[in-house]
Amino acid sequence: RMTIPQTNFKLGYFITDHYSISIGVDHMKYVMDNNRKKTVNGYINL
């Protein structure tokens, strides 16, 4: 169930005493707020 919370994974390596390189995944979650009035521009013609 590790993908259910918002998580951060990182794996890295120090190329010098001070500098490092890494790869990672920031697992964030984005929920657009509903039931609010917003300005809409464009058309719908289904």
ModelCIF file with pLDDT and N, C-alpha, C, O atoms, coordinates in Angstrom:
data_MODEL
#
_entry.id   MODEL 
#
_entity.id                         1 
_entity.type                       polymer 
_entity.pdbx_number_of_molecules   1 
#
_entity_poly.entity_id                      1 
_entity_poly.type                           'polypeptide(L)' 
_entity_poly.nstd_linkage                   no 
_entity_poly.nstd_monomer                   no 
_entity_poly.pdbx_seq_one_letter_code       RMTIPQTNFKLGYFITDHYSISIGVDHMKYVMDNNRKKTVNGYINL 
_entity_poly.pdbx_seq_one_letter_code_can   RMTIPQTNFKLGYFITDHYSISIGVDHMKYVMDNNRKKTVNGYINL 
_entity_poly.pdbx_strand_id                 A 
#
loop_
_entity_poly_seq.entity_id 
_entity_poly_seq.num 
_entity_poly_seq.mon_id 
_entity_poly_seq.hetero 
1 1  ARG n 
1 2  MET n 
1 3  THR n 
1 4  ILE n 
1 5  PRO n 
1 6  GLN n 
1 7  THR n 
1 8  ASN n 
1 9  PHE n 
1 10 LYS n 
1 11 LEU n 
1 12 GLY n 
1 13 TYR n 
1 14 PHE n 
1 15 ILE n 
1 16 THR n 
1 17 ASP n 
1 18 HIS n 
1 19 TYR n 
1 20 SER n 
1 21 ILE n 
1 22 SER n 
1 23 ILE n 
1 24 GLY n 
1 25 VAL n 
1 26 ASP n 
1 27 HIS n 
1 28 MET n 
1 29 LYS n 
1 30 TYR n 
1 31 VAL n 
1 32 MET n 
1 33 ASP n 
1 34 ASN n 
1 35 ASN n 
1 36 ARG n 
1 37 LYS n 
1 38 LYS n 
1 39 THR n 
1 40 VAL n 
1 41 ASN n 
1 42 GLY n 
1 43 TYR n 
1 44 ILE n 
1 45 ASN n 
1 46 LEU n 
#
_struct_asym.id          A 
_struct_asym.entity_id   1 
#
loop_
_ma_qa_metric.id 
_ma_qa_metric.mode 
_ma_qa_metric.name 
_ma_qa_metric.software_group_id 
_ma_qa_metric.type 
1 global pLDDT . pLDDT 
2 local  pLDDT . pLDDT 
#
_ma_qa_metric_global.metric_id      1 
_ma_qa_metric_global.metric_value   92.50 
_ma_qa_metric_global.model_id       1 
_ma_qa_metric_global.ordinal_id     1 
#
loop_
_ma_qa_metric_local.label_asym_id 
_ma_qa_metric_local.label_comp_id 
_ma_qa_metric_local.label_seq_id 
_ma_qa_metric_local.metric_id 
_ma_qa_metric_local.metric_value 
_ma_qa_metric_local.model_id 
_ma_qa_metric_local.ordinal_id 
A ARG 1  2 68.00 1 1  
A MET 2  2 67.00 1 2  
A THR 3  2 68.00 1 3  
A ILE 4  2 75.00 1 4  
A PRO 5  2 84.00 1 5  
A GLN 6  2 89.00 1 6  
A THR 7  2 92.00 1 7  
A ASN 8  2 95.00 1 8  
A PHE 9  2 96.00 1 9  
A LYS 10 2 97.00 1 10 
A LEU 11 2 97.00 1 11 
A GLY 12 2 97.00 1 12 
A TYR 13 2 97.00 1 13 
A PHE 14 2 97.00 1 14 
A ILE 15 2 97.00 1 15 
A THR 16 2 96.00 1 16 
A ASP 17 2 94.00 1 17 
A HIS 18 2 96.00 1 18 
A TYR 19 2 97.00 1 19 
A SER 20 2 97.00 1 20 
A ILE 21 2 98.00 1 21 
A SER 22 2 98.00 1 22 
A ILE 23 2 98.00 1 23 
A GLY 24 2 96.00 1 24 
A VAL 25 2 96.00 1 25 
A ASP 26 2 96.00 1 26 
A HIS 27 2 94.00 1 27 
A MET 28 2 94.00 1 28 
A LYS 29 2 94.00 1 29 
A TYR 30 2 94.00 1 30 
A VAL 31 2 95.00 1 31 
A MET 32 2 94.00 1 32 
A ASP 33 2 94.00 1 33 
A ASN 34 2 91.00 1 34 
A ASN 35 2 91.00 1 35 
A ARG 36 2 91.00 1 36 
A LYS 37 2 92.00 1 37 
A LYS 38 2 94.00 1 38 
A THR 39 2 95.00 1 39 
A VAL 40 2 95.00 1 40 
A ASN 41 2 96.00 1 41 
A GLY 42 2 95.00 1 42 
A TYR 43 2 95.00 1 43 
A ILE 44 2 95.00 1 44 
A ASN 45 2 94.00 1 45 
A LEU 46 2 94.00 1 46 
#
loop_
_atom_site.group_PDB 
_atom_site.id 
_atom_site.type_symbol 
_atom_site.label_atom_id 
_atom_site.label_alt_id 
_atom_site.label_comp_id 
_atom_site.label_asym_id 
_atom_site.label_entity_id 
_atom_site.label_seq_id 
_atom_site.pdbx_PDB_ins_code 
_atom_site.Cartn_x 
_atom_site.Cartn_y 
_atom_site.Cartn_z 
_atom_site.occupancy 
_atom_site.B_iso_or_equiv 
_atom_site.pdbx_formal_charge 
_atom_site.auth_seq_id 
_atom_site.auth_comp_id 
_atom_site.auth_asym_id 
_atom_site.auth_atom_id 
_atom_site.pdbx_PDB_model_num 
ATOM 1   N N  . ARG A 1 1  ? 0.814   -1.223 0.000   1.00 68.00 ? 1  ARG A N  1 
ATOM 2   C CA . ARG A 1 1  ? 0.000   0.000  0.000   1.00 68.00 ? 1  ARG A CA 1 
ATOM 3   C C  . ARG A 1 1  ? 0.852   1.279  0.000   1.00 68.00 ? 1  ARG A C  1 
ATOM 4   O O  . ARG A 1 1  ? 0.375   2.348  0.383   1.00 68.00 ? 1  ARG A O  1 
ATOM 5   N N  . MET A 1 2  ? 2.102   1.161  -0.428  1.00 67.00 ? 2  MET A N  1 
ATOM 6   C CA . MET A 1 2  ? 3.020   2.290  -0.365  1.00 67.00 ? 2  MET A CA 1 
ATOM 7   C C  . MET A 1 2  ? 2.646   3.431  -1.311  1.00 67.00 ? 2  MET A C  1 
ATOM 8   O O  . MET A 1 2  ? 3.091   4.559  -1.103  1.00 67.00 ? 2  MET A O  1 
ATOM 9   N N  . THR A 1 3  ? 1.842   3.171  -2.343  1.00 68.00 ? 3  THR A N  1 
ATOM 10  C CA . THR A 1 3  ? 1.474   4.235  -3.279  1.00 68.00 ? 3  THR A CA 1 
ATOM 11  C C  . THR A 1 3  ? 0.247   5.009  -2.817  1.00 68.00 ? 3  THR A C  1 
ATOM 12  O O  . THR A 1 3  ? -0.143  5.983  -3.461  1.00 68.00 ? 3  THR A O  1 
ATOM 13  N N  . ILE A 1 4  ? -0.369  4.595  -1.711  1.00 75.00 ? 4  ILE A N  1 
ATOM 14  C CA . ILE A 1 4  ? -1.564  5.290  -1.228  1.00 75.00 ? 4  ILE A CA 1 
ATOM 15  C C  . ILE A 1 4  ? -1.202  6.615  -0.539  1.00 75.00 ? 4  ILE A C  1 
ATOM 16  O O  . ILE A 1 4  ? -1.849  7.624  -0.817  1.00 75.00 ? 4  ILE A O  1 
ATOM 17  N N  . PRO A 1 5  ? -0.199  6.654  0.344   1.00 84.00 ? 5  PRO A N  1 
ATOM 18  C CA . PRO A 1 5  ? 0.195   7.956  0.909   1.00 84.00 ? 5  PRO A CA 1 
ATOM 19  C C  . PRO A 1 5  ? 1.047   8.760  -0.078  1.00 84.00 ? 5  PRO A C  1 
ATOM 20  O O  . PRO A 1 5  ? 1.420   8.260  -1.139  1.00 84.00 ? 5  PRO A O  1 
ATOM 21  N N  . GLN A 1 6  ? 1.344   9.984  0.276   1.00 89.00 ? 6  GLN A N  1 
ATOM 22  C CA . GLN A 1 6  ? 2.230   10.846 -0.507  1.00 89.00 ? 6  GLN A CA 1 
ATOM 23  C C  . GLN A 1 6  ? 3.663   10.576 -0.050  1.00 89.00 ? 6  GLN A C  1 
ATOM 24  O O  . GLN A 1 6  ? 3.996   10.787 1.116   1.00 89.00 ? 6  GLN A O  1 
ATOM 25  N N  . THR A 1 7  ? 4.504   10.112 -0.966  1.00 92.00 ? 7  THR A N  1 
ATOM 26  C CA . THR A 1 7  ? 5.814   9.616  -0.574  1.00 92.00 ? 7  THR A CA 1 
ATOM 27  C C  . THR A 1 7  ? 6.940   10.197 -1.427  1.00 92.00 ? 7  THR A C  1 
ATOM 28  O O  . THR A 1 7  ? 6.708   10.779 -2.487  1.00 92.00 ? 7  THR A O  1 
ATOM 29  N N  . ASN A 1 8  ? 8.173   10.019 -0.928  1.00 95.00 ? 8  ASN A N  1 
ATOM 30  C CA . ASN A 1 8  ? 9.385   10.439 -1.635  1.00 95.00 ? 8  ASN A CA 1 
ATOM 31  C C  . ASN A 1 8  ? 10.434  9.341  -1.534  1.00 95.00 ? 8  ASN A C  1 
ATOM 32  O O  . ASN A 1 8  ? 10.742  8.861  -0.443  1.00 95.00 ? 8  ASN A O  1 
ATOM 33  N N  . PHE A 1 9  ? 10.982  8.946  -2.686  1.00 96.00 ? 9  PHE A N  1 
ATOM 34  C CA . PHE A 1 9  ? 12.066  7.960  -2.734  1.00 96.00 ? 9  PHE A CA 1 
ATOM 35  C C  . PHE A 1 9  ? 13.270  8.600  -3.407  1.00 96.00 ? 9  PHE A C  1 
ATOM 36  O O  . PHE A 1 9  ? 13.136  9.361  -4.364  1.00 96.00 ? 9  PHE A O  1 
ATOM 37  N N  . LYS A 1 10 ? 14.458  8.274  -2.885  1.00 97.00 ? 10 LYS A N  1 
ATOM 38  C CA . LYS A 1 10 ? 15.673  8.824  -3.489  1.00 97.00 ? 10 LYS A CA 1 
ATOM 39  C C  . LYS A 1 10 ? 16.827  7.837  -3.348  1.00 97.00 ? 10 LYS A C  1 
ATOM 40  O O  . LYS A 1 10 ? 16.979  7.183  -2.316  1.00 97.00 ? 10 LYS A O  1 
ATOM 41  N N  . LEU A 1 11 ? 17.641  7.741  -4.407  1.00 97.00 ? 11 LEU A N  1 
ATOM 42  C CA . LEU A 1 11 ? 18.864  6.944  -4.405  1.00 97.00 ? 11 LEU A CA 1 
ATOM 43  C C  . LEU A 1 11 ? 19.962  7.813  -4.989  1.00 97.00 ? 11 LEU A C  1 
ATOM 44  O O  . LEU A 1 11 ? 19.822  8.336  -6.094  1.00 97.00 ? 11 LEU A O  1 
ATOM 45  N N  . GLY A 1 12 ? 21.080  7.972  -4.237  1.00 97.00 ? 12 GLY A N  1 
ATOM 46  C CA . GLY A 1 12 ? 22.097  8.901  -4.698  1.00 97.00 ? 12 GLY A CA 1 
ATOM 47  C C  . GLY A 1 12 ? 23.509  8.443  -4.404  1.00 97.00 ? 12 GLY A C  1 
ATOM 48  O O  . GLY A 1 12 ? 23.737  7.419  -3.761  1.00 97.00 ? 12 GLY A O  1 
ATOM 49  N N  . TYR A 1 13 ? 24.467  9.249  -4.905  1.00 97.00 ? 13 TYR A N  1 
ATOM 50  C CA . TYR A 1 13 ? 25.884  8.930  -4.795  1.00 97.00 ? 13 TYR A CA 1 
ATOM 51  C C  . TYR A 1 13 ? 26.679  10.230 -4.680  1.00 97.00 ? 13 TYR A C  1 
ATOM 52  O O  . TYR A 1 13 ? 26.451  11.171 -5.440  1.00 97.00 ? 13 TYR A O  1 
ATOM 53  N N  . PHE A 1 14 ? 27.608  10.279 -3.733  1.00 97.00 ? 14 PHE A N  1 
ATOM 54  C CA . PHE A 1 14 ? 28.474  11.436 -3.559  1.00 97.00 ? 14 PHE A CA 1 
ATOM 55  C C  . PHE A 1 14 ? 29.653  11.344 -4.526  1.00 97.00 ? 14 PHE A C  1 
ATOM 56  O O  . PHE A 1 14 ? 30.476  10.434 -4.426  1.00 97.00 ? 14 PHE A O  1 
ATOM 57  N N  . ILE A 1 15 ? 29.730  12.295 -5.466  1.00 97.00 ? 15 ILE A N  1 
ATOM 58  C CA . ILE A 1 15 ? 30.842  12.312 -6.416  1.00 97.00 ? 15 ILE A CA 1 
ATOM 59  C C  . ILE A 1 15 ? 32.051  13.039 -5.830  1.00 97.00 ? 15 ILE A C  1 
ATOM 60  O O  . ILE A 1 15 ? 33.178  12.832 -6.280  1.00 97.00 ? 15 ILE A O  1 
ATOM 61  N N  . THR A 1 16 ? 31.822  13.895 -4.821  1.00 96.00 ? 16 THR A N  1 
ATOM 62  C CA . THR A 1 16 ? 32.894  14.506 -4.036  1.00 96.00 ? 16 THR A CA 1 
ATOM 63  C C  . THR A 1 16 ? 32.432  14.511 -2.585  1.00 96.00 ? 16 THR A C  1 
ATOM 64  O O  . THR A 1 16 ? 31.367  13.985 -2.264  1.00 96.00 ? 16 THR A O  1 
ATOM 65  N N  . ASP A 1 17 ? 33.239  15.111 -1.707  1.00 94.00 ? 17 ASP A N  1 
ATOM 66  C CA . ASP A 1 17 ? 32.840  15.183 -0.300  1.00 94.00 ? 17 ASP A CA 1 
ATOM 67  C C  . ASP A 1 17 ? 31.585  16.024 -0.099  1.00 94.00 ? 17 ASP A C  1 
ATOM 68  O O  . ASP A 1 17 ? 30.850  15.817 0.866   1.00 94.00 ? 17 ASP A O  1 
ATOM 69  N N  . HIS A 1 18 ? 31.333  16.971 -1.000  1.00 96.00 ? 18 HIS A N  1 
ATOM 70  C CA . HIS A 1 18 ? 30.212  17.891 -0.828  1.00 96.00 ? 18 HIS A CA 1 
ATOM 71  C C  . HIS A 1 18 ? 29.095  17.731 -1.864  1.00 96.00 ? 18 HIS A C  1 
ATOM 72  O O  . HIS A 1 18 ? 27.949  18.079 -1.583  1.00 96.00 ? 18 HIS A O  1 
ATOM 73  N N  . TYR A 1 19 ? 29.403  17.220 -3.036  1.00 97.00 ? 19 TYR A N  1 
ATOM 74  C CA . TYR A 1 19 ? 28.420  17.196 -4.120  1.00 97.00 ? 19 TYR A CA 1 
ATOM 75  C C  . TYR A 1 19 ? 27.941  15.770 -4.418  1.00 97.00 ? 19 TYR A C  1 
ATOM 76  O O  . TYR A 1 19 ? 28.715  14.812 -4.426  1.00 97.00 ? 19 TYR A O  1 
ATOM 77  N N  . SER A 1 20 ? 26.626  15.675 -4.662  1.00 97.00 ? 20 SER A N  1 
ATOM 78  C CA . SER A 1 20 ? 26.038  14.366 -4.944  1.00 97.00 ? 20 SER A CA 1 
ATOM 79  C C  . SER A 1 20 ? 25.070  14.464 -6.114  1.00 97.00 ? 20 SER A C  1 
ATOM 80  O O  . SER A 1 20 ? 24.561  15.538 -6.434  1.00 97.00 ? 20 SER A O  1 
ATOM 81  N N  . ILE A 1 21 ? 24.829  13.320 -6.744  1.00 98.00 ? 21 ILE A N  1 
ATOM 82  C CA . ILE A 1 21 ? 23.806  13.185 -7.777  1.00 98.00 ? 21 ILE A CA 1 
ATOM 83  C C  . ILE A 1 21 ? 22.827  12.115 -7.306  1.00 98.00 ? 21 ILE A C  1 
ATOM 84  O O  . ILE A 1 21 ? 23.208  11.178 -6.604  1.00 98.00 ? 21 ILE A O  1 
ATOM 85  N N  . SER A 1 22 ? 21.565  12.261 -7.699  1.00 98.00 ? 22 SER A N  1 
ATOM 86  C CA . SER A 1 22 ? 20.563  11.304 -7.242  1.00 98.00 ? 22 SER A CA 1 
ATOM 87  C C  . SER A 1 22 ? 19.423  11.215 -8.239  1.00 98.00 ? 22 SER A C  1 
ATOM 88  O O  . SER A 1 22 ? 19.210  12.112 -9.055  1.00 98.00 ? 22 SER A O  1 
ATOM 89  N N  . ILE A 1 23 ? 18.693  10.106 -8.153  1.00 98.00 ? 23 ILE A N  1 
ATOM 90  C CA . ILE A 1 23 ? 17.443  9.951  -8.881  1.00 98.00 ? 23 ILE A CA 1 
ATOM 91  C C  . ILE A 1 23 ? 16.356  9.662  -7.845  1.00 98.00 ? 23 ILE A C  1 
ATOM 92  O O  . ILE A 1 23 ? 16.628  9.076  -6.796  1.00 98.00 ? 23 ILE A O  1 
ATOM 93  N N  . GLY A 1 24 ? 15.126  10.077 -8.147  1.00 96.00 ? 24 GLY A N  1 
ATOM 94  C CA . GLY A 1 24 ? 14.067  9.882  -7.162  1.00 96.00 ? 24 GLY A CA 1 
ATOM 95  C C  . GLY A 1 24 ? 12.694  10.010 -7.767  1.00 96.00 ? 24 GLY A C  1 
ATOM 96  O O  . GLY A 1 24 ? 12.532  10.393 -8.926  1.00 96.00 ? 24 GLY A O  1 
ATOM 97  N N  . VAL A 1 25 ? 11.710  9.680  -6.959  1.00 96.00 ? 25 VAL A N  1 
ATOM 98  C CA . VAL A 1 25 ? 10.310  9.821  -7.338  1.00 96.00 ? 25 VAL A CA 1 
ATOM 99  C C  . VAL A 1 25 ? 9.592   10.562 -6.222  1.00 96.00 ? 25 VAL A C  1 
ATOM 100 O O  . VAL A 1 25 ? 9.551   10.100 -5.081  1.00 96.00 ? 25 VAL A O  1 
ATOM 101 N N  . ASP A 1 26 ? 9.025   11.722 -6.563  1.00 96.00 ? 26 ASP A N  1 
ATOM 102 C CA . ASP A 1 26 ? 8.167   12.463 -5.634  1.00 96.00 ? 26 ASP A CA 1 
ATOM 103 C C  . ASP A 1 26 ? 6.728   12.092 -5.975  1.00 96.00 ? 26 ASP A C  1 
ATOM 104 O O  . ASP A 1 26 ? 6.181   12.529 -6.988  1.00 96.00 ? 26 ASP A O  1 
ATOM 105 N N  . HIS A 1 27 ? 6.130   11.284 -5.115  1.00 94.00 ? 27 HIS A N  1 
ATOM 106 C CA . HIS A 1 27 ? 4.758   10.808 -5.344  1.00 94.00 ? 27 HIS A CA 1 
ATOM 107 C C  . HIS A 1 27 ? 3.805   11.773 -4.643  1.00 94.00 ? 27 HIS A C  1 
ATOM 108 O O  . HIS A 1 27 ? 3.437   11.585 -3.483  1.00 94.00 ? 27 HIS A O  1 
ATOM 109 N N  . MET A 1 28 ? 3.415   12.824 -5.390  1.00 94.00 ? 28 MET A N  1 
ATOM 110 C CA . MET A 1 28 ? 2.505   13.819 -4.853  1.00 94.00 ? 28 MET A CA 1 
ATOM 111 C C  . MET A 1 28 ? 1.072   13.484 -5.284  1.00 94.00 ? 28 MET A C  1 
ATOM 112 O O  . MET A 1 28 ? 0.853   12.609 -6.122  1.00 94.00 ? 28 MET A O  1 
ATOM 113 N N  . LYS A 1 29 ? 0.124   14.179 -4.711  1.00 94.00 ? 29 LYS A N  1 
ATOM 114 C CA . LYS A 1 29 ? -1.286  14.004 -5.097  1.00 94.00 ? 29 LYS A CA 1 
ATOM 115 C C  . LYS A 1 29 ? -1.915  15.384 -5.290  1.00 94.00 ? 29 LYS A C  1 
ATOM 116 O O  . LYS A 1 29 ? -1.718  16.302 -4.493  1.00 94.00 ? 29 LYS A O  1 
ATOM 117 N N  . TYR A 1 30 ? -2.686  15.496 -6.392  1.00 94.00 ? 30 TYR A N  1 
ATOM 118 C CA . TYR A 1 30 ? -3.275  16.769 -6.797  1.00 94.00 ? 30 TYR A CA 1 
ATOM 119 C C  . TYR A 1 30 ? -4.764  16.554 -7.017  1.00 94.00 ? 30 TYR A C  1 
ATOM 120 O O  . TYR A 1 30 ? -5.156  15.748 -7.860  1.00 94.00 ? 30 TYR A O  1 
ATOM 121 N N  . VAL A 1 31 ? -5.593  17.263 -6.271  1.00 95.00 ? 31 VAL A N  1 
ATOM 122 C CA . VAL A 1 31 ? -7.044  17.125 -6.370  1.00 95.00 ? 31 VAL A CA 1 
ATOM 123 C C  . VAL A 1 31 ? -7.639  18.499 -6.671  1.00 95.00 ? 31 VAL A C  1 
ATOM 124 O O  . VAL A 1 31 ? -7.602  19.394 -5.826  1.00 95.00 ? 31 VAL A O  1 
ATOM 125 N N  . MET A 1 32 ? -8.188  18.666 -7.877  1.00 94.00 ? 32 MET A N  1 
ATOM 126 C CA . MET A 1 32 ? -8.840  19.936 -8.212  1.00 94.00 ? 32 MET A CA 1 
ATOM 127 C C  . MET A 1 32 ? -10.071 20.120 -7.338  1.00 94.00 ? 32 MET A C  1 
ATOM 128 O O  . MET A 1 32 ? -10.855 19.190 -7.148  1.00 94.00 ? 32 MET A O  1 
ATOM 129 N N  . ASP A 1 33 ? -10.231 21.319 -6.811  1.00 94.00 ? 33 ASP A N  1 
ATOM 130 C CA . ASP A 1 33 ? -11.369 21.610 -5.944  1.00 94.00 ? 33 ASP A CA 1 
ATOM 131 C C  . ASP A 1 33 ? -12.654 21.699 -6.763  1.00 94.00 ? 33 ASP A C  1 
ATOM 132 O O  . ASP A 1 33 ? -12.739 22.476 -7.715  1.00 94.00 ? 33 ASP A O  1 
ATOM 133 N N  . ASN A 1 34 ? -13.654 20.899 -6.387  1.00 91.00 ? 34 ASN A N  1 
ATOM 134 C CA . ASN A 1 34 ? -14.952 20.895 -7.071  1.00 91.00 ? 34 ASN A CA 1 
ATOM 135 C C  . ASN A 1 34 ? -15.973 21.763 -6.339  1.00 91.00 ? 34 ASN A C  1 
ATOM 136 O O  . ASN A 1 34 ? -15.735 22.275 -5.244  1.00 91.00 ? 34 ASN A O  1 
ATOM 137 N N  . ASN A 1 35 ? -17.127 21.902 -7.005  1.00 91.00 ? 35 ASN A N  1 
ATOM 138 C CA . ASN A 1 35 ? -18.279 22.622 -6.445  1.00 91.00 ? 35 ASN A CA 1 
ATOM 139 C C  . ASN A 1 35 ? -17.926 24.065 -6.084  1.00 91.00 ? 35 ASN A C  1 
ATOM 140 O O  . ASN A 1 35 ? -18.354 24.596 -5.059  1.00 91.00 ? 35 ASN A O  1 
ATOM 141 N N  . ARG A 1 36 ? -17.130 24.679 -6.961  1.00 91.00 ? 36 ARG A N  1 
ATOM 142 C CA . ARG A 1 36 ? -16.798 26.085 -6.823  1.00 91.00 ? 36 ARG A CA 1 
ATOM 143 C C  . ARG A 1 36 ? -17.026 26.777 -8.159  1.00 91.00 ? 36 ARG A C  1 
ATOM 144 O O  . ARG A 1 36 ? -16.826 26.179 -9.216  1.00 91.00 ? 36 ARG A O  1 
ATOM 145 N N  . LYS A 1 37 ? -17.436 28.014 -8.114  1.00 92.00 ? 37 LYS A N  1 
ATOM 146 C CA . LYS A 1 37 ? -17.656 28.763 -9.343  1.00 92.00 ? 37 LYS A CA 1 
ATOM 147 C C  . LYS A 1 37 ? -16.315 29.232 -9.895  1.00 92.00 ? 37 LYS A C  1 
ATOM 148 O O  . LYS A 1 37 ? -15.511 29.839 -9.188  1.00 92.00 ? 37 LYS A O  1 
ATOM 149 N N  . LYS A 1 38 ? -16.093 28.936 -11.181 1.00 94.00 ? 38 LYS A N  1 
ATOM 150 C CA . LYS A 1 38 ? -14.877 29.338 -11.857 1.00 94.00 ? 38 LYS A CA 1 
ATOM 151 C C  . LYS A 1 38 ? -15.218 29.965 -13.206 1.00 94.00 ? 38 LYS A C  1 
ATOM 152 O O  . LYS A 1 38 ? -16.261 29.680 -13.795 1.00 94.00 ? 38 LYS A O  1 
ATOM 153 N N  . THR A 1 39 ? -14.329 30.816 -13.676 1.00 95.00 ? 39 THR A N  1 
ATOM 154 C CA . THR A 1 39 ? -14.502 31.416 -14.994 1.00 95.00 ? 39 THR A CA 1 
ATOM 155 C C  . THR A 1 39 ? -14.136 30.399 -16.064 1.00 95.00 ? 39 THR A C  1 
ATOM 156 O O  . THR A 1 39 ? -13.060 29.803 -16.024 1.00 95.00 ? 39 THR A O  1 
ATOM 157 N N  . VAL A 1 40 ? -15.049 30.203 -17.031 1.00 95.00 ? 40 VAL A N  1 
ATOM 158 C CA . VAL A 1 40 ? -14.849 29.235 -18.107 1.00 95.00 ? 40 VAL A CA 1 
ATOM 159 C C  . VAL A 1 40 ? -14.910 29.966 -19.443 1.00 95.00 ? 40 VAL A C  1 
ATOM 160 O O  . VAL A 1 40 ? -15.800 30.782 -19.683 1.00 95.00 ? 40 VAL A O  1 
ATOM 161 N N  . ASN A 1 41 ? -13.945 29.656 -20.307 1.00 96.00 ? 41 ASN A N  1 
ATOM 162 C CA . ASN A 1 41 ? -13.921 30.189 -21.666 1.00 96.00 ? 41 ASN A CA 1 
ATOM 163 C C  . ASN A 1 41 ? -13.811 29.050 -22.671 1.00 96.00 ? 41 ASN A C  1 
ATOM 164 O O  . ASN A 1 41 ? -13.046 28.109 -22.460 1.00 96.00 ? 41 ASN A O  1 
ATOM 165 N N  . GLY A 1 42 ? -14.569 29.128 -23.763 1.00 95.00 ? 42 GLY A N  1 
ATOM 166 C CA . GLY A 1 42 ? -14.507 28.111 -24.797 1.00 95.00 ? 42 GLY A CA 1 
ATOM 167 C C  . GLY A 1 42 ? -15.877 27.640 -25.210 1.00 95.00 ? 42 GLY A C  1 
ATOM 168 O O  . GLY A 1 42 ? -16.864 28.358 -25.054 1.00 95.00 ? 42 GLY A O  1 
ATOM 169 N N  . TYR A 1 43 ? -15.940 26.427 -25.740 1.00 95.00 ? 43 TYR A N  1 
ATOM 170 C CA . TYR A 1 43 ? -17.226 25.893 -26.191 1.00 95.00 ? 43 TYR A CA 1 
ATOM 171 C C  . TYR A 1 43 ? -17.306 24.390 -25.942 1.00 95.00 ? 43 TYR A C  1 
ATOM 172 O O  . TYR A 1 43 ? -16.287 23.705 -25.848 1.00 95.00 ? 43 TYR A O  1 
ATOM 173 N N  . ILE A 1 44 ? -18.532 23.894 -25.837 1.00 95.00 ? 44 ILE A N  1 
ATOM 174 C CA . ILE A 1 44 ? -18.833 22.458 -25.790 1.00 95.00 ? 44 ILE A CA 1 
ATOM 175 C C  . ILE A 1 44 ? -19.983 22.232 -26.762 1.00 95.00 ? 44 ILE A C  1 
ATOM 176 O O  . ILE A 1 44 ? -21.029 22.872 -26.655 1.00 95.00 ? 44 ILE A O  1 
ATOM 177 N N  . ASN A 1 45 ? -19.786 21.313 -27.718 1.00 94.00 ? 45 ASN A N  1 
ATOM 178 C CA . ASN A 1 45 ? -20.809 21.053 -28.737 1.00 94.00 ? 45 ASN A CA 1 
ATOM 179 C C  . ASN A 1 45 ? -20.864 19.553 -29.022 1.00 94.00 ? 45 ASN A C  1 
ATOM 180 O O  . ASN A 1 45 ? -20.601 19.114 -30.142 1.00 94.00 ? 45 ASN A O  1 
ATOM 181 N N  . LEU A 1 46 ? -21.206 18.777 -28.000 1.00 94.00 ? 46 LEU A N  1 
ATOM 182 C CA . LEU A 1 46 ? -21.250 17.324 -28.125 1.00 94.00 ? 46 LEU A CA 1 
ATOM 183 C C  . LEU A 1 46 ? -22.523 16.888 -28.849 1.00 94.00 ? 46 LEU A C  1 
ATOM 184 O O  . LEU A 1 46 ? -22.740 15.693 -29.051 1.00 94.00 ? 46 LEU A O  1 
#
